[in-house]
Protein backbone atom coordinates (compact mmCIF):
# COMPACT_ATOMS: atom_id res chain seq x y z
CA MET A 1 66.63 69.68 107.38
CA ASN A 2 63.34 71.72 106.66
CA THR A 3 61.43 71.93 103.64
CA LYS A 4 62.01 75.34 102.43
CA ALA A 5 65.94 74.74 102.96
CA THR A 6 65.57 71.18 101.12
CA LYS A 7 63.88 73.39 98.47
CA THR A 8 66.15 76.08 98.06
CA ALA A 9 68.98 73.34 97.85
CA ASN A 10 67.49 71.38 95.06
CA ARG A 11 66.81 74.45 93.23
CA ASN A 12 70.29 75.37 93.30
CA LEU A 13 71.56 71.97 92.56
CA ASP A 14 69.37 71.84 89.66
CA LEU A 15 70.41 75.47 88.29
CA GLY A 16 74.36 74.40 88.73
CA ILE A 17 73.24 71.29 86.51
CA ARG A 18 71.58 73.12 84.16
CA LEU A 19 74.36 75.36 83.83
CA ALA A 20 76.93 72.82 83.84
CA VAL A 21 74.99 71.02 80.83
CA GLY A 22 74.58 74.42 78.89
CA ALA A 23 78.31 75.14 79.05
CA GLN A 24 79.06 71.39 77.80
CA LEU A 25 76.51 72.01 75.03
CA ALA A 26 77.83 75.43 73.93
CA ALA A 27 81.46 74.12 74.17
CA ALA A 28 80.75 71.39 72.13
CA SER A 29 79.00 73.71 69.64
CA VAL A 30 82.05 75.90 69.11
CA ALA A 31 84.26 72.85 68.77
CA LYS A 32 82.18 71.60 66.23
CA ALA A 33 81.66 74.65 64.22
CA ALA A 34 85.69 75.18 64.55
CA ASP A 35 86.10 71.62 63.30
CA ASP A 36 83.85 72.11 60.45
CA ARG A 37 85.54 75.53 59.29
CA GLY A 38 88.93 74.06 59.46
CA ASP A 39 91.67 76.34 59.89
CA SER A 40 90.30 79.04 57.80
CA GLY A 41 90.93 82.35 59.56
CA GLN A 42 92.70 81.12 62.31
CA GLY A 43 95.72 83.21 61.90
CA VAL A 44 93.44 86.29 61.82
CA LEU A 45 91.79 85.11 65.06
CA GLU A 46 95.20 84.56 67.07
CA TYR A 47 96.53 87.93 65.54
CA ALA A 48 93.42 89.52 66.92
CA GLY A 49 93.88 87.87 70.19
CA VAL A 50 97.30 88.99 70.36
CA LEU A 51 96.32 92.55 69.80
CA LEU A 52 93.63 92.56 72.40
CA LEU A 53 96.08 91.13 74.91
CA VAL A 54 98.80 93.81 74.24
CA ALA A 55 96.09 96.44 74.28
CA ALA A 56 94.69 95.26 77.61
CA ILE A 57 98.38 95.16 79.27
CA VAL A 58 98.92 99.03 77.99
CA VAL A 59 95.73 99.94 79.21
CA GLY A 60 96.50 98.57 82.63
CA MET A 61 100.07 99.90 82.52
CA ILE A 62 98.66 103.44 82.14
CA LYS A 63 95.71 103.03 84.91
CA LEU A 64 98.30 101.85 87.28
CA ASN A 65 100.60 104.67 86.38
CA ILE A 66 103.11 101.93 85.82
CA SER A 67 105.53 104.36 84.00
CA GLY A 68 105.70 106.54 87.34
CA LEU A 69 106.79 103.79 89.25
CA ILE A 70 109.19 102.21 86.83
CA LYS A 71 111.25 105.43 85.73
CA PRO A 72 112.91 105.63 89.08
CA ILE A 73 114.11 102.21 88.91
CA ILE A 74 115.54 102.42 85.61
CA GLN A 75 116.91 106.09 86.08
CA GLY A 76 118.63 104.54 89.01
CA ALA A 77 119.82 101.57 87.12
CA ILE A 78 121.24 103.93 84.29
CA ASN A 79 123.00 106.04 87.19
CA ASP A 80 124.69 103.05 88.59
CA VAL A 81 126.10 101.85 84.88
CA LYS A 82 127.28 105.56 84.38
CA ALA A 83 129.05 105.83 87.97
CA ALA A 84 130.75 102.03 87.04
């Protein structure tokens, strides 16, 4: 392996290790902060998370025009039930 490739590989490995260690330290810091705080405010955070998830689903459905795709399927099922 030439020296330029070796230096690049070593630099990439070093960067990967630094990122992994940084992520571990950040996760440990967040875990410690949450542990210090206890369960205070946990319900609000969970509620906000659910609201964000629902909002993301609604926006996705609007952007993908899901209602235009689902409407004929539902209408067909209703017609089948009426015909039976």
